Amino acid sequence: MVETESLLEHLHTSRNKYINEAIEFYNQYQKRRLTEEQLAKESKLVSEDSMSILREFEMLEDEI
C-alpha cells in the first residue's frame, strides 16, 4: 500500500483513477489470454480435421 501511495504521488493521479486503469489493463490481459486459449483449441480441431482429410486423399492416390 505504501508503494501505491508513492506511485500515486509521483504520477499525480487519484487512487480511484489508478485502480480503474489497473482493472481495465487486467481485463484486457484476461481477454487476450482467453482468446489465445480458444484459438489453441480451435487450431487443434482444425489440425485433426486436416490430417483426416490428408489421409483420405492419400488413400485415393493409392487406389489410382
Foldseek 3Di string as FASTA:
>chain_A
DVVLVVVCVVVVHDPVVVVVVVVVVVVVVVVVVVVVVVVVVVVVVVVVVVVVVVVVVVVVVVVD
